[in-house]
C-alpha atoms as a PDB file:
ATOM      1  CA  UNK A   1      70.351  13.261-151.770  1.00  0.00           C
ATOM      2  CA  UNK A   2      71.122  12.806-148.081  1.00  0.00           C
ATOM      3  CA  UNK A   3      70.134   9.150-148.140  1.00  0.00           C
ATOM      4  CA  UNK A   4      72.035   6.797-145.839  1.00  0.00           C
ATOM      5  CA  UNK A   5      73.874   3.880-147.396  1.00  0.00           C
ATOM      6  CA  UNK A   6      74.898   0.492-146.020  1.00  0.00           C
ATOM      7  CA  UNK A   7      77.319  -1.510-148.162  1.00  0.00           C
ATOM      8  CA  UNK A   8      76.448   0.700-151.118  1.00  0.00           C
ATOM      9  CA  UNK A   9      72.695   0.075-150.885  1.00  0.00           C
ATOM     10  CA  UNK A  10      70.329   2.907-149.959  1.00  0.00           C
ATOM     11  CA  UNK A  11      68.177   2.037-146.970  1.00  0.00           C
ATOM     12  CA  UNK A  12      65.555   4.598-145.946  1.00  0.00           C
ATOM     13  CA  UNK A  13      64.620   8.190-146.719  1.00  0.00           C
ATOM     14  CA  UNK A  14      64.080  10.442-143.723  1.00  0.00           C
ATOM     15  CA  UNK A  15      61.831  13.457-143.193  1.00  0.00           C
ATOM     16  CA  UNK A  16      60.981  15.605-140.184  1.00  0.00           C
ATOM     17  CA  UNK A  17      57.463  16.895-139.557  1.00  0.00           C
ATOM     18  CA  UNK A  18      57.626  20.677-139.176  1.00  0.00           C
ATOM     19  CA  UNK A  19      54.392  20.664-137.155  1.00  0.00           C
ATOM     20  CA  UNK A  20      56.512  20.630-133.997  1.00  0.00           C
ATOM     21  CA  UNK A  21      58.460  23.719-135.110  1.00  0.00           C
ATOM     22  CA  UNK A  22      55.552  25.786-133.856  1.00  0.00           C
ATOM     23  CA  UNK A  23      55.489  29.412-135.000  1.00  0.00           C
ATOM     24  CA  UNK A  24      58.619  29.089-137.093  1.00  0.00           C
ATOM     25  CA  UNK A  25      58.851  30.206-140.714  1.00  0.00           C
ATOM     26  CA  UNK A  26      59.268  27.587-143.420  1.00  0.00           C
ATOM     27  CA  UNK A  27      62.734  28.800-144.549  1.00  0.00           C
ATOM     28  CA  UNK A  28      64.167  28.359-141.035  1.00  0.00           C
ATOM     29  CA  UNK A  29      62.570  24.932-140.590  1.00  0.00           C
ATOM     30  CA  UNK A  30      63.793  23.745-143.987  1.00  0.00           C
ATOM     31  CA  UNK A  31      67.344  24.887-143.227  1.00  0.00           C
ATOM     32  CA  UNK A  32      67.350  22.967-139.950  1.00  0.00           C
ATOM     33  CA  UNK A  33      66.143  19.776-141.620  1.00  0.00           C
ATOM     34  CA  UNK A  34      68.769  20.081-144.364  1.00  0.00           C
ATOM     35  CA  UNK A  35      71.489  20.878-141.816  1.00  0.00           C
ATOM     36  CA  UNK A  36      71.014  17.541-140.073  1.00  0.00           C
ATOM     37  CA  UNK A  37      71.054  15.494-143.261  1.00  0.00           C
ATOM     38  CA  UNK A  38      67.397  14.816-143.961  1.00  0.00           C
ATOM     39  CA  UNK A  39      66.089  13.943-147.399  1.00  0.00           C
ATOM     40  CA  UNK A  40      62.861  15.849-146.944  1.00  0.00           C
ATOM     41  CA  UNK A  41      60.557  17.893-144.750  1.00  0.00           C
ATOM     42  CA  UNK A  42      56.944  17.065-143.931  1.00  0.00           C
ATOM     43  CA  UNK A  43      54.790  20.174-143.819  1.00  0.00           C
ATOM     44  CA  UNK A  44      51.626  20.670-141.809  1.00  0.00           C
ATOM     45  CA  UNK A  45      48.251  20.951-143.449  1.00  0.00           C
ATOM     46  CA  UNK A  46      47.319  24.591-143.684  1.00  0.00           C
ATOM     47  CA  UNK A  47      47.745  25.354-147.413  1.00  0.00           C
ATOM     48  CA  UNK A  48      47.093  29.073-147.025  1.00  0.00           C
ATOM     49  CA  UNK A  49      50.255  29.438-144.935  1.00  0.00           C
ATOM     50  CA  UNK A  50      52.562  28.429-147.772  1.00  0.00           C
ATOM     51  CA  UNK A  51      53.808  30.070-150.934  1.00  0.00           C
ATOM     52  CA  UNK A  52      54.335  27.051-153.236  1.00  0.00           C
ATOM     53  CA  UNK A  53      56.926  28.839-155.382  1.00  0.00           C
ATOM     54  CA  UNK A  54      58.914  29.787-152.288  1.00  0.00           C
ATOM     55  CA  UNK A  55      58.708  26.239-150.904  1.00  0.00           C
ATOM     56  CA  UNK A  56      59.954  24.761-154.191  1.00  0.00           C
ATOM     57  CA  UNK A  57      62.821  27.249-154.465  1.00  0.00           C
ATOM     58  CA  UNK A  58      63.977  26.770-150.880  1.00  0.00           C
ATOM     59  CA  UNK A  59      63.866  22.992-151.163  1.00  0.00           C
ATOM     60  CA  UNK A  60      65.764  23.032-154.435  1.00  0.00           C
ATOM     61  CA  UNK A  61      68.433  25.319-152.966  1.00  0.00           C
ATOM     62  CA  UNK A  62      68.822  23.108-149.881  1.00  0.00           C
ATOM     63  CA  UNK A  63      68.762  19.796-151.740  1.00  0.00           C
ATOM     64  CA  UNK A  64      65.684  18.446-149.984  1.00  0.00           C
ATOM     65  CA  UNK A  65      62.086  17.719-151.000  1.00  0.00           C
ATOM     66  CA  UNK A  66      58.652  17.866-149.404  1.00  0.00           C
ATOM     67  CA  UNK A  67      57.923  14.286-148.400  1.00  0.00           C
ATOM     68  CA  UNK A  68      54.308  14.625-147.340  1.00  0.00           C
ATOM     69  CA  UNK A  69      51.628  16.871-145.892  1.00  0.00           C
ATOM     70  CA  UNK A  70      50.312  16.220-142.391  1.00  0.00           C
ATOM     71  CA  UNK A  71      46.598  17.009-142.389  1.00  0.00           C
ATOM     72  CA  UNK A  72      44.632  18.487-139.498  1.00  0.00           C
ATOM     73  CA  UNK A  73      40.967  17.430-139.243  1.00  0.00           C
ATOM     74  CA  UNK A  74      38.600  19.266-136.899  1.00  0.00           C
ATOM     75  CA  UNK A  75      34.908  19.343-136.042  1.00  0.00           C
ATOM     76  CA  UNK A  76      34.444  21.912-138.828  1.00  0.00           C
ATOM     77  CA  UNK A  77      36.116  19.661-141.420  1.00  0.00           C
ATOM     78  CA  UNK A  78      35.335  16.035-140.665  1.00  0.00           C
ATOM     79  CA  UNK A  79      35.121  13.456-143.453  1.00  0.00           C
ATOM     80  CA  UNK A  80      32.715  11.283-141.423  1.00  0.00           C
ATOM     81  CA  UNK A  81      30.609  13.989-139.800  1.00  0.00           C
ATOM     82  CA  UNK A  82      26.814  13.676-139.709  1.00  0.00           C
ATOM     83  CA  UNK A  83      26.832  17.346-140.695  1.00  0.00           C
ATOM     84  CA  UNK A  84      26.896  17.664-144.487  1.00  0.00           C
ATOM     85  CA  UNK A  85      28.658  21.033-144.395  1.00  0.00           C
ATOM     86  CA  UNK A  86      31.466  19.662-142.240  1.00  0.00           C
ATOM     87  CA  UNK A  87      31.936  16.748-144.642  1.00  0.00           C
ATOM     88  CA  UNK A  88      32.033  19.103-147.622  1.00  0.00           C
ATOM     89  CA  UNK A  89      34.535  21.328-145.828  1.00  0.00           C
ATOM     90  CA  UNK A  90      36.713  18.277-145.247  1.00  0.00           C
ATOM     91  CA  UNK A  91      36.541  17.171-148.886  1.00  0.00           C
ATOM     92  CA  UNK A  92      37.382  20.697-150.021  1.00  0.00           C
ATOM     93  CA  UNK A  93      40.291  20.637-147.559  1.00  0.00           C
ATOM     94  CA  UNK A  94      41.628  17.406-149.082  1.00  0.00           C
ATOM     95  CA  UNK A  95      41.444  19.058-152.493  1.00  0.00           C
ATOM     96  CA  UNK A  96      43.376  22.122-151.266  1.00  0.00           C
ATOM     97  CA  UNK A  97      46.006  19.861-149.733  1.00  0.00           C
ATOM     98  CA  UNK A  98      46.234  18.001-153.030  1.00  0.00           C
ATOM     99  CA  UNK A  99      46.745  21.227-154.971  1.00  0.00           C
ATOM    100  CA  UNK A 100      49.500  22.322-152.571  1.00  0.00           C
ATOM    101  CA  UNK A 101      51.162  18.910-152.774  1.00  0.00           C
ATOM    102  CA  UNK A 102      51.091  18.999-156.563  1.00  0.00           C
ATOM    103  CA  UNK A 103      52.525  22.521-156.638  1.00  0.00           C
ATOM    104  CA  UNK A 104      55.469  21.653-154.365  1.00  0.00           C
ATOM    105  CA  UNK A 105      56.164  18.218-155.929  1.00  0.00           C
ATOM    106  CA  UNK A 106      55.031  16.398-152.793  1.00  0.00           C
ATOM    107  CA  UNK A 107      53.950  12.797-153.497  1.00  0.00           C
ATOM    108  CA  UNK A 108      51.524  12.144-150.655  1.00  0.00           C
ATOM    109  CA  UNK A 109      48.991  13.649-148.257  1.00  0.00           C
ATOM    110  CA  UNK A 110      47.706  12.121-145.036  1.00  0.00           C
ATOM    111  CA  UNK A 111      43.978  11.453-144.703  1.00  0.00           C
ATOM    112  CA  UNK A 112      42.192  10.662-141.435  1.00  0.00           C
ATOM    113  CA  UNK A 113      38.483   9.764-141.591  1.00  0.00           C
ATOM    114  CA  UNK A 114      37.321  11.887-138.683  1.00  0.00           C
ATOM    115  CA  UNK A 115      38.284  14.774-136.408  1.00  0.00           C
ATOM    116  CA  UNK A 116      41.050  14.552-133.828  1.00  0.00           C
ATOM    117  CA  UNK A 117      39.806  13.943-130.274  1.00  0.00           C
ATOM    118  CA  UNK A 118      36.397  12.784-131.523  1.00  0.00           C
ATOM    119  CA  UNK A 119      36.036   9.681-129.381  1.00  0.00           C
ATOM    120  CA  UNK A 120      32.314   8.900-129.614  1.00  0.00           C
ATOM    121  CA  UNK A 121      30.820   7.290-132.747  1.00  0.00           C
ATOM    122  CA  UNK A 122      27.678   8.363-134.549  1.00  0.00           C
ATOM    123  CA  UNK A 123      24.477   6.533-133.563  1.00  0.00           C
ATOM    124  CA  UNK A 124      24.546   4.567-136.843  1.00  0.00           C
ATOM    125  CA  UNK A 125      28.099   3.225-137.477  1.00  0.00           C
ATOM    126  CA  UNK A 126      27.158   1.897-140.913  1.00  0.00           C
ATOM    127  CA  UNK A 127      25.901   5.301-142.031  1.00  0.00           C
ATOM    128  CA  UNK A 128      28.961   6.980-140.578  1.00  0.00           C
ATOM    129  CA  UNK A 129      31.349   4.633-142.359  1.00  0.00           C
ATOM    130  CA  UNK A 130      29.497   5.273-145.586  1.00  0.00           C
ATOM    131  CA  UNK A 131      30.096   9.015-145.185  1.00  0.00           C
ATOM    132  CA  UNK A 132      33.796   8.393-144.557  1.00  0.00           C
ATOM    133  CA  UNK A 133      34.182   6.132-147.592  1.00  0.00           C
ATOM    134  CA  UNK A 134      32.369   8.522-149.920  1.00  0.00           C
ATOM    135  CA  UNK A 135      34.260  11.570-148.649  1.00  0.00           C
ATOM    136  CA  UNK A 136      37.676   9.915-148.870  1.00  0.00           C
ATOM    137  CA  UNK A 137      36.888   8.583-152.336  1.00  0.00           C
ATOM    138  CA  UNK A 138      35.825  12.017-153.576  1.00  0.00           C
ATOM    139  CA  UNK A 139      38.880  13.750-152.148  1.00  0.00           C
ATOM    140  CA  UNK A 140      41.168  10.920-153.229  1.00  0.00           C
ATOM    141  CA  UNK A 141      39.900  10.984-156.802  1.00  0.00           C
ATOM    142  CA  UNK A 142      40.768  14.653-156.987  1.00  0.00           C
ATOM    143  CA  UNK A 143      44.201  13.973-155.523  1.00  0.00           C
ATOM    144  CA  UNK A 144      44.772  11.333-158.173  1.00  0.00           C
ATOM    145  CA  UNK A 145      43.801  13.805-160.898  1.00  0.00           C
ATOM    146  CA  UNK A 146      46.672  16.102-159.845  1.00  0.00           C
ATOM    147  CA  UNK A 147      49.199  13.281-159.400  1.00  0.00           C
ATOM    148  CA  UNK A 148      49.088  12.962-155.614  1.00  0.00           C
ATOM    149  CA  UNK A 149      48.620   9.833-153.471  1.00  0.00           C
ATOM    150  CA  UNK A 150      46.745   9.601-150.204  1.00  0.00           C
ATOM    151  CA  UNK A 151      47.601   7.570-147.114  1.00  0.00           C
ATOM    152  CA  UNK A 152      45.036   6.579-144.483  1.00  0.00           C
ATOM    153  CA  UNK A 153      46.250   6.914-140.887  1.00  0.00           C
ATOM    154  CA  UNK A 154      45.149   5.247-137.648  1.00  0.00           C
ATOM    155  CA  UNK A 155      45.354   7.009-134.288  1.00  0.00           C
ATOM    156  CA  UNK A 156      45.278   5.568-130.788  1.00  0.00           C
ATOM    157  CA  UNK A 157      42.015   5.063-128.884  1.00  0.00           C
ATOM    158  CA  UNK A 158      42.460   8.239-126.827  1.00  0.00           C
ATOM    159  CA  UNK A 159      42.380  10.413-129.948  1.00  0.00           C
ATOM    160  CA  UNK A 160      39.769   8.589-132.059  1.00  0.00           C
ATOM    161  CA  UNK A 161      37.412   5.633-132.014  1.00  0.00           C
ATOM    162  CA  UNK A 162      37.318   5.244-135.798  1.00  0.00           C
ATOM    163  CA  UNK A 163      40.628   3.678-136.917  1.00  0.00           C
ATOM    164  CA  UNK A 164      43.117   2.455-134.330  1.00  0.00           C
ATOM    165  CA  UNK A 165      45.140  -0.205-136.161  1.00  0.00           C
ATOM    166  CA  UNK A 166      46.702  -0.640-139.579  1.00  0.00           C
ATOM    167  CA  UNK A 167      44.485  -3.631-140.306  1.00  0.00           C
ATOM    168  CA  UNK A 168      41.441  -1.335-139.983  1.00  0.00           C
ATOM    169  CA  UNK A 169      43.068   1.151-142.346  1.00  0.00           C
ATOM    170  CA  UNK A 170      43.525  -1.603-144.903  1.00  0.00           C
ATOM    171  CA  UNK A 171      39.849  -2.545-144.676  1.00  0.00           C
ATOM    172  CA  UNK A 172      38.801   1.064-145.252  1.00  0.00           C
ATOM    173  CA  UNK A 173      41.288   1.467-148.097  1.00  0.00           C
ATOM    174  CA  UNK A 174      39.751  -1.547-149.844  1.00  0.00           C
ATOM    175  CA  UNK A 175      36.288  -0.018-149.504  1.00  0.00           C
ATOM    176  CA  UNK A 176      37.459   3.284-150.934  1.00  0.00           C
ATOM    177  CA  UNK A 177      38.922   1.551-154.030  1.00  0.00           C
ATOM    178  CA  UNK A 178      41.397   4.137-155.286  1.00  0.00           C
ATOM    179  CA  UNK A 179      44.586   3.448-157.280  1.00  0.00           C
ATOM    180  CA  UNK A 180      46.437   6.194-155.395  1.00  0.00           C
ATOM    181  CA  UNK A 181      45.483   5.101-151.854  1.00  0.00           C
ATOM    182  CA  UNK A 182      47.612   3.365-149.260  1.00  0.00           C
ATOM    183  CA  UNK A 183      47.936   3.161-145.500  1.00  0.00           C
ATOM    184  CA  UNK A 184      50.410   4.429-142.963  1.00  0.00           C
ATOM    185  CA  UNK A 185      51.505   3.626-139.447  1.00  0.00           C
ATOM    186  CA  UNK A 186      52.738   5.894-136.660  1.00  0.00           C
ATOM    187  CA  UNK A 187      54.907   4.045-134.145  1.00  0.00           C
ATOM    188  CA  UNK A 188      53.644   6.208-131.266  1.00  0.00           C
ATOM    189  CA  UNK A 189      50.020   5.212-131.896  1.00  0.00           C
ATOM    190  CA  UNK A 190      51.011   1.663-132.840  1.00  0.00           C
ATOM    191  CA  UNK A 191      52.884   1.197-129.555  1.00  0.00           C
ATOM    192  CA  UNK A 192      49.517   1.627-127.822  1.00  0.00           C
ATOM    193  CA  UNK A 193      47.274  -0.294-130.204  1.00  0.00           C
ATOM    194  CA  UNK A 194      49.157  -2.942-132.191  1.00  0.00           C
ATOM    195  CA  UNK A 195      50.010  -6.395-130.856  1.00  0.00           C
ATOM    196  CA  UNK A 196      53.232  -6.086-132.850  1.00  0.00           C
ATOM    197  CA  UNK A 197      54.429  -2.939-134.610  1.00  0.00           C
ATOM    198  CA  UNK A 198      56.683  -4.830-136.987  1.00  0.00           C
ATOM    199  CA  UNK A 199      53.960  -7.417-137.561  1.00  0.00           C
ATOM    200  CA  UNK A 200      51.478  -4.723-138.542  1.00  0.00           C
ATOM    201  CA  UNK A 201      53.938  -3.286-141.055  1.00  0.00           C
ATOM    202  CA  UNK A 202      54.424  -6.731-142.546  1.00  0.00           C
ATOM    203  CA  UNK A 203      50.654  -7.164-142.884  1.00  0.00           C
ATOM    204  CA  UNK A 204      50.429  -3.816-144.694  1.00  0.00           C
ATOM    205  CA  UNK A 205      53.194  -4.832-147.096  1.00  0.00           C
ATOM    206  CA  UNK A 206      53.015  -3.094-150.466  1.00  0.00           C
ATOM    207  CA  UNK A 207      50.048  -0.981-149.315  1.00  0.00           C
ATOM    208  CA  UNK A 208      52.209   0.848-146.770  1.00  0.00           C
ATOM    209  CA  UNK A 209      53.044   4.174-148.410  1.00  0.00           C
ATOM    210  CA  UNK A 210      53.984   6.382-145.451  1.00  0.00           C
ATOM    211  CA  UNK A 211      55.399   6.007-141.928  1.00  0.00           C
ATOM    212  CA  UNK A 212      55.597   8.278-138.904  1.00  0.00           C
ATOM    213  CA  UNK A 213      58.321   7.533-136.382  1.00  0.00           C
ATOM    214  CA  UNK A 214      58.261   8.527-132.718  1.00  0.00           C
ATOM    215  CA  UNK A 215      59.207   6.746-129.519  1.00  0.00           C
ATOM    216  CA  UNK A 216      56.708   5.501-126.921  1.00  0.00           C
ATOM    217  CA  UNK A 217      56.579   8.948-125.285  1.00  0.00           C
ATOM    218  CA  UNK A 218      56.325  10.699-128.683  1.00  0.00           C
ATOM    219  CA  UNK A 219      59.849  12.020-128.305  1.00  0.00           C
ATOM    220  CA  UNK A 220      62.807  11.224-130.578  1.00  0.00           C
ATOM    221  CA  UNK A 221      63.638   7.537-131.049  1.00  0.00           C
ATOM    222  CA  UNK A 222      65.937   6.496-128.225  1.00  0.00           C
ATOM    223  CA  UNK A 223      64.070   8.564-125.622  1.00  0.00           C
ATOM    224  CA  UNK A 224      61.424   5.924-124.904  1.00  0.00           C
ATOM    225  CA  UNK A 225      61.146   2.135-124.821  1.00  0.00           C
ATOM    226  CA  UNK A 226      60.294   1.149-128.415  1.00  0.00           C
ATOM    227  CA  UNK A 227      62.755  -1.278-130.003  1.00  0.00           C
ATOM    228  CA  UNK A 228      63.215   0.082-133.521  1.00  0.00           C
ATOM    229  CA  UNK A 229      65.475  -2.717-134.781  1.00  0.00           C
ATOM    230  CA  UNK A 230      62.709  -5.261-135.571  1.00  0.00           C
ATOM    231  CA  UNK A 231      60.610  -2.436-137.007  1.00  0.00           C
ATOM    232  CA  UNK A 232      63.358  -1.438-139.421  1.00  0.00           C
ATOM    233  CA  UNK A 233      63.963  -5.066-140.351  1.00  0.00           C
ATOM    234  CA  UNK A 234      60.289  -5.428-141.230  1.00  0.00           C
ATOM    235  CA  UNK A 235      60.354  -2.255-143.341  1.00  0.00           C
ATOM    236  CA  UNK A 236      63.420  -3.531-145.160  1.00  0.00           C
ATOM    237  CA  UNK A 237      61.846  -6.963-145.703  1.00  0.00           C
ATOM    238  CA  UNK A 238      58.708  -5.490-147.288  1.00  0.00           C
ATOM    239  CA  UNK A 239      60.906  -3.225-149.433  1.00  0.00           C
ATOM    240  CA  UNK A 240      59.337  -0.057-148.094  1.00  0.00           C
ATOM    241  CA  UNK A 241      60.059   2.804-150.502  1.00  0.00           C
ATOM    242  CA  UNK A 242      58.396   5.780-148.828  1.00  0.00           C
ATOM    243  CA  UNK A 243      59.756   8.264-146.306  1.00  0.00           C
ATOM    244  CA  UNK A 244      60.221   7.681-142.607  1.00  0.00           C
ATOM    245  CA  UNK A 245      58.971  10.943-141.169  1.00  0.00           C
ATOM    246  CA  UNK A 246      59.518  11.878-137.539  1.00  0.00           C
ATOM    247  CA  UNK A 247      56.290  13.226-136.037  1.00  0.00           C
ATOM    248  CA  UNK A 248      57.404  14.200-132.549  1.00  0.00           C
ATOM    249  CA  UNK A 249      55.290  16.134-130.050  1.00  0.00           C
ATOM    250  CA  UNK A 250      55.437  17.012-126.337  1.00  0.00           C
ATOM    251  CA  UNK A 251      53.871  14.353-124.112  1.00  0.00           C
ATOM    252  CA  UNK A 252      51.049  16.535-122.815  1.00  0.00           C
ATOM    253  CA  UNK A 253      47.279  16.584-123.291  1.00  0.00           C
ATOM    254  CA  UNK A 254      47.704  19.777-125.320  1.00  0.00           C
ATOM    255  CA  UNK A 255      50.970  19.441-127.286  1.00  0.00           C
ATOM    256  CA  UNK A 256      50.400  22.403-129.596  1.00  0.00           C
ATOM    257  CA  UNK A 257      49.429  24.539-126.629  1.00  0.00           C
ATOM    258  CA  UNK A 258      52.647  23.492-124.899  1.00  0.00           C
ATOM    259  CA  UNK A 259      54.636  24.590-127.933  1.00  0.00           C
ATOM    260  CA  UNK A 260      52.683  27.844-128.178  1.00  0.00           C
ATOM    261  CA  UNK A 261      53.605  28.626-124.567  1.00  0.00           C
ATOM    262  CA  UNK A 262      57.302  28.154-125.364  1.00  0.00           C
ATOM    263  CA  UNK A 263      57.716  24.561-124.220  1.00  0.00           C
ATOM    264  CA  UNK A 264      59.304  21.739-126.172  1.00  0.00           C
ATOM    265  CA  UNK A 265      62.525  23.512-127.169  1.00  0.00           C
ATOM    266  CA  UNK A 266      64.241  20.105-127.333  1.00  0.00           C
ATOM    267  CA  UNK A 267      62.025  19.178-130.303  1.00  0.00           C
ATOM    268  CA  UNK A 268      63.843  21.687-132.490  1.00  0.00           C
ATOM    269  CA  UNK A 269      67.618  21.163-132.912  1.00  0.00           C
ATOM    270  CA  UNK A 270      68.180  18.536-130.215  1.00  0.00           C
ATOM    271  CA  UNK A 271      65.555  16.018-131.322  1.00  0.00           C
ATOM    272  CA  UNK A 272      65.933  16.782-135.036  1.00  0.00           C
ATOM    273  CA  UNK A 273      69.579  15.784-134.726  1.00  0.00           C
ATOM    274  CA  UNK A 274      69.052  12.827-132.406  1.00  0.00           C
ATOM    275  CA  UNK A 275      66.180  11.280-134.357  1.00  0.00           C
ATOM    276  CA  UNK A 276      68.073  10.765-137.606  1.00  0.00           C
ATOM    277  CA  UNK A 277      71.377   9.870-135.950  1.00  0.00           C
ATOM    278  CA  UNK A 278      69.737   7.269-133.731  1.00  0.00           C
ATOM    279  CA  UNK A 279      67.876   5.652-136.632  1.00  0.00           C
ATOM    280  CA  UNK A 280      70.965   5.557-138.803  1.00  0.00           C
ATOM    281  CA  UNK A 281      72.704   3.635-136.032  1.00  0.00           C
ATOM    282  CA  UNK A 282      69.772   1.187-135.954  1.00  0.00           C
ATOM    283  CA  UNK A 283      70.147   0.750-139.728  1.00  0.00           C
ATOM    284  CA  UNK A 284      73.734  -0.422-139.257  1.00  0.00           C
ATOM    285  CA  UNK A 285      72.496  -3.406-137.263  1.00  0.00           C
ATOM    286  CA  UNK A 286      70.255  -4.689-140.038  1.00  0.00           C
ATOM    287  CA  UNK A 287      71.718  -7.732-141.752  1.00  0.00           C
END
């Protein structure tokens, strides 16, 4: 394991989300993550793009694991869509993610109730929430049957209207009622929406089962204005046991398009290296 130790006690496990390594093959991405001392890699949610046997073999050879799968929800696969076909597509997608996670020994998949950039609610919010709860429960039950947990994520108000804060995720999680469900926080989104990032993590407590790290500008920690020290203290105080996964993206209205056009080179080696080194330095300050 590449876990960092302070006074002989392991602190946090780190992963890097390969979503930002746009167009790169999994073997190259995995080697980069291992090179800079990560415990794991987070893979993006297109199951058909992976050969599970290859992923397992590469991770075993490099001494890393797959921490999580970052899901991508669209208008065609939306767990809270008024369109029944879209909801079914989304549930089927959760099941495919679960199968991939199980096959590569990944413990958790990310679930978001509705499509990215969908910022207007359905005319009947109660009906819409009912669709979300039923869809997440159905997909989550399948995930549980193959030994995989789910984590419910909130996004900022400019990307969704549905869940914007961890407290809202907790409410939805309690409605879903699944033994394998938890919530997650992303410090980029939280910097916009939460009164206190560390306070929100403390409220989540034992139900927090995944974390995304990024600075205020969605770059590597240390490149923006978020103070990570109180955040890490809160995670330590609640005895957080999951991975801290860096989900870093270019600060544009079309981050994937920016990457596709050849932008964001710093998100590869430069930010992969800086992110973990910066956070390990923050760890040293925790008493």
